[in-house]
C-alpha atoms as a PDB file:
ATOM      1  CA  MET A   1      34.751  -3.741 -10.138  1.00  0.00           C
ATOM      2  CA  GLY A   2      33.337  -3.183  -6.669  1.00  0.00           C
ATOM      3  CA  LEU A   3      30.313  -4.735  -5.015  1.00  0.00           C
ATOM      4  CA  LEU A   4      28.075  -1.770  -5.755  1.00  0.00           C
ATOM      5  CA  ASP A   5      28.941  -2.029  -9.444  1.00  0.00           C
ATOM      6  CA  ARG A   6      27.443  -5.538  -9.507  1.00  0.00           C
ATOM      7  CA  ILE A   7      24.195  -4.729  -7.692  1.00  0.00           C
ATOM      8  CA  GLN A   8      21.153  -3.800  -9.724  1.00  0.00           C
ATOM      9  CA  PHE A   9      19.267  -1.069  -7.921  1.00  0.00           C
ATOM     10  CA  ARG A  10      15.527  -0.677  -8.288  1.00  0.00           C
ATOM     11  CA  LYS A  11      14.142   2.201 -10.260  1.00  0.00           C
ATOM     12  CA  PRO A  12      13.291   5.226  -8.139  1.00  0.00           C
ATOM     13  CA  SER A  13       9.932   4.966  -6.461  1.00  0.00           C
ATOM     14  CA  ALA A  14       6.877   6.843  -7.629  1.00  0.00           C
ATOM     15  CA  PRO A  15       6.577  10.310  -6.123  1.00  0.00           C
ATOM     16  CA  PRO A  16       4.569  10.574  -2.909  1.00  0.00           C
ATOM     17  CA  PRO A  17       0.912  11.538  -3.066  1.00  0.00           C
ATOM     18  CA  GLU A  18      -0.042  15.153  -2.475  1.00  0.00           C
ATOM     19  CA  ALA A  19      -2.896  14.057  -0.189  1.00  0.00           C
ATOM     20  CA  LEU A  20      -4.021  10.834   1.439  1.00  0.00           C
ATOM     21  CA  ASP A  21      -7.299  10.919   3.380  1.00  0.00           C
ATOM     22  CA  VAL A  22      -9.798   8.504   4.867  1.00  0.00           C
ATOM     23  CA  LEU A  23     -13.367   9.225   3.762  1.00  0.00           C
ATOM     24  CA  PRO A  24     -16.373   8.746   6.070  1.00  0.00           C
ATOM     25  CA  ASP A  25     -17.150   5.343   4.501  1.00  0.00           C
ATOM     26  CA  GLY A  26     -13.567   4.159   5.191  1.00  0.00           C
ATOM     27  CA  ALA A  27     -12.361   4.449   1.591  1.00  0.00           C
ATOM     28  CA  ILE A  28      -8.958   6.018   0.991  1.00  0.00           C
ATOM     29  CA  ARG A  29      -8.717   9.097  -1.225  1.00  0.00           C
ATOM     30  CA  ILE A  30      -5.315   9.641  -2.817  1.00  0.00           C
ATOM     31  CA  LEU A  31      -4.335  12.688  -4.840  1.00  0.00           C
ATOM     32  CA  TRP A  32      -1.255  12.085  -6.984  1.00  0.00           C
ATOM     33  CA  PRO A  33       1.026  14.920  -8.171  1.00  0.00           C
ATOM     34  CA  GLY A  34      -0.464  16.352 -11.346  1.00  0.00           C
ATOM     35  CA  GLY A  35      -3.495  14.057 -10.943  1.00  0.00           C
ATOM     36  CA  PRO A  36      -5.373  11.860 -10.824  1.00  0.00           C
ATOM     37  CA  GLU A  37      -7.382  11.779  -7.631  1.00  0.00           C
ATOM     38  CA  VAL A  38      -8.347   8.180  -6.862  1.00  0.00           C
ATOM     39  CA  THR A  39     -10.669   6.718  -4.239  1.00  0.00           C
ATOM     40  CA  VAL A  40      -9.776   3.174  -3.220  1.00  0.00           C
ATOM     41  CA  PRO A  41     -12.250   1.065  -1.238  1.00  0.00           C
ATOM     42  CA  ALA A  42     -10.785   0.044   2.113  1.00  0.00           C
ATOM     43  CA  ALA A  43     -11.185  -3.672   1.351  1.00  0.00           C
ATOM     44  CA  ARG A  44      -9.181  -3.329  -1.865  1.00  0.00           C
ATOM     45  CA  MET A  45      -6.402  -1.449  -0.053  1.00  0.00           C
ATOM     46  CA  ARG A  46      -6.351  -4.063   2.729  1.00  0.00           C
ATOM     47  CA  ASP A  47      -6.242  -6.792   0.062  1.00  0.00           C
ATOM     48  CA  ALA A  48      -3.191  -5.070  -1.484  1.00  0.00           C
ATOM     49  CA  CYS A  49      -1.170  -5.448   1.718  1.00  0.00           C
ATOM     50  CA  PRO A  50       2.389  -6.437   0.762  1.00  0.00           C
ATOM     51  CA  CYS A  51       3.521  -7.809   4.138  1.00  0.00           C
ATOM     52  CA  ALA A  52       4.932 -11.305   4.678  1.00  0.00           C
ATOM     53  CA  ALA A  53       1.696 -12.442   6.369  1.00  0.00           C
ATOM     54  CA  CYS A  54      -0.283 -11.528   3.233  1.00  0.00           C
ATOM     55  CA  VAL A  55       2.214 -12.336   0.473  1.00  0.00           C
ATOM     56  CA  GLU A  56       4.593 -15.295   0.448  1.00  0.00           C
ATOM     57  CA  GLU A  57       8.095 -13.828   0.606  1.00  0.00           C
ATOM     58  CA  GLY A  58       9.916 -16.370  -1.527  1.00  0.00           C
ATOM     59  CA  THR A  59       7.445 -16.632  -4.389  1.00  0.00           C
ATOM     60  CA  GLY A  60       5.363 -13.473  -4.181  1.00  0.00           C
ATOM     61  CA  HIS A  61       2.171 -15.556  -4.188  1.00  0.00           C
ATOM     62  CA  LYS A  62      -0.698 -14.021  -2.296  1.00  0.00           C
ATOM     63  CA  ILE A  63      -1.573 -15.707   1.012  1.00  0.00           C
ATOM     64  CA  LEU A  64      -4.383 -13.402   2.134  1.00  0.00           C
ATOM     65  CA  ASP A  65      -7.800 -14.719   1.164  1.00  0.00           C
ATOM     66  CA  PRO A  66      -9.930 -11.685   0.222  1.00  0.00           C
ATOM     67  CA  ALA A  67     -12.997 -13.506   1.588  1.00  0.00           C
ATOM     68  CA  THR A  68     -11.514 -13.160   5.099  1.00  0.00           C
ATOM     69  CA  ILE A  69     -11.453  -9.347   4.927  1.00  0.00           C
ATOM     70  CA  PRO A  70     -14.394  -7.997   6.956  1.00  0.00           C
ATOM     71  CA  SER A  71     -16.919  -6.054   4.867  1.00  0.00           C
ATOM     72  CA  ASP A  72     -16.686  -3.126   7.291  1.00  0.00           C
ATOM     73  CA  ILE A  73     -12.861  -2.927   7.211  1.00  0.00           C
ATOM     74  CA  HIS A  74     -11.458   0.568   7.563  1.00  0.00           C
ATOM     75  CA  PRO A  75      -8.142   2.172   8.473  1.00  0.00           C
ATOM     76  CA  LEU A  76      -7.825   3.310  12.075  1.00  0.00           C
ATOM     77  CA  GLU A  77      -4.534   5.085  11.460  1.00  0.00           C
ATOM     78  CA  ILE A  78      -2.193   5.916   8.592  1.00  0.00           C
ATOM     79  CA  ALA A  79       1.418   6.602   9.570  1.00  0.00           C
ATOM     80  CA  PRO A  80       4.316   7.738   7.389  1.00  0.00           C
ATOM     81  CA  VAL A  81       7.270   5.375   6.951  1.00  0.00           C
ATOM     82  CA  GLY A  82      10.310   7.463   6.133  1.00  0.00           C
ATOM     83  CA  SER A  83       9.764   9.381   2.912  1.00  0.00           C
ATOM     84  CA  TYR A  84       8.850   6.342   0.815  1.00  0.00           C
ATOM     85  CA  ALA A  85       5.707   4.685   2.224  1.00  0.00           C
ATOM     86  CA  VAL A  86       2.800   4.632   4.663  1.00  0.00           C
ATOM     87  CA  GLN A  87       1.628   2.005   7.112  1.00  0.00           C
ATOM     88  CA  PHE A  88      -2.060   1.364   7.787  1.00  0.00           C
ATOM     89  CA  ARG A  89      -3.470   0.141  11.082  1.00  0.00           C
ATOM     90  CA  TRP A  90      -6.647  -1.696  10.080  1.00  0.00           C
ATOM     91  CA  SER A  91      -9.847  -2.327  12.027  1.00  0.00           C
ATOM     92  CA  ASP A  92      -9.234  -6.106  11.708  1.00  0.00           C
ATOM     93  CA  GLY A  93      -6.067  -5.746  13.821  1.00  0.00           C
ATOM     94  CA  HIS A  94      -3.625  -6.003  10.919  1.00  0.00           C
ATOM     95  CA  SER A  95      -0.844  -3.405  10.849  1.00  0.00           C
ATOM     96  CA  THR A  96       2.361  -4.903   9.444  1.00  0.00           C
ATOM     97  CA  GLY A  97       2.063  -3.865   5.793  1.00  0.00           C
ATOM     98  CA  ILE A  98       4.288  -1.073   4.513  1.00  0.00           C
ATOM     99  CA  TYR A  99       2.716   0.421   1.401  1.00  0.00           C
ATOM    100  CA  SER A 100       5.368   2.072  -0.770  1.00  0.00           C
ATOM    101  CA  TRP A 101       4.255   4.750  -3.220  1.00  0.00           C
ATOM    102  CA  ASP A 102       4.494   2.107  -5.973  1.00  0.00           C
ATOM    103  CA  THR A 103       2.245  -0.261  -3.975  1.00  0.00           C
ATOM    104  CA  LEU A 104      -0.292   2.529  -3.493  1.00  0.00           C
ATOM    105  CA  ARG A 105      -0.257   3.314  -7.219  1.00  0.00           C
ATOM    106  CA  ARG A 106      -0.914  -0.368  -8.010  1.00  0.00           C
ATOM    107  CA  ALA A 107      -3.796  -0.435  -5.509  1.00  0.00           C
ATOM    108  CA  CYS A 108      -5.191   2.629  -7.313  1.00  0.00           C
ATOM    109  CA  GLY A 109      -5.011   0.777 -10.638  1.00  0.00           C
ATOM    110  CA  LEU A 110      -2.369   3.183 -11.960  1.00  0.00           C
ATOM    111  CA  GLU A 111       0.465   0.656 -12.494  1.00  0.00           C
END
């Protein structure tokens, strides 16, 4: 038995969205293959950041206090990360979170 036989691989990620847009109010509109189309408020998406500054790595406990997210938060840029995620650059200066397709689906309330 080789090393790879002993490793448990994660299930394949959710498929990528068909469209991901920022609306004039800063909310994020995501169209998933075959539906649905979901609009996520910017503050909720920022609150879902999975980076090590927002979520404790060892335990998975959330560090980010939602009360510290500015009410006018909005994405300044959305960049692809390989073929599995996107990275937001937020108006509060935060930009280290990599949002996998699964993370986006959870932020949409679909998982």
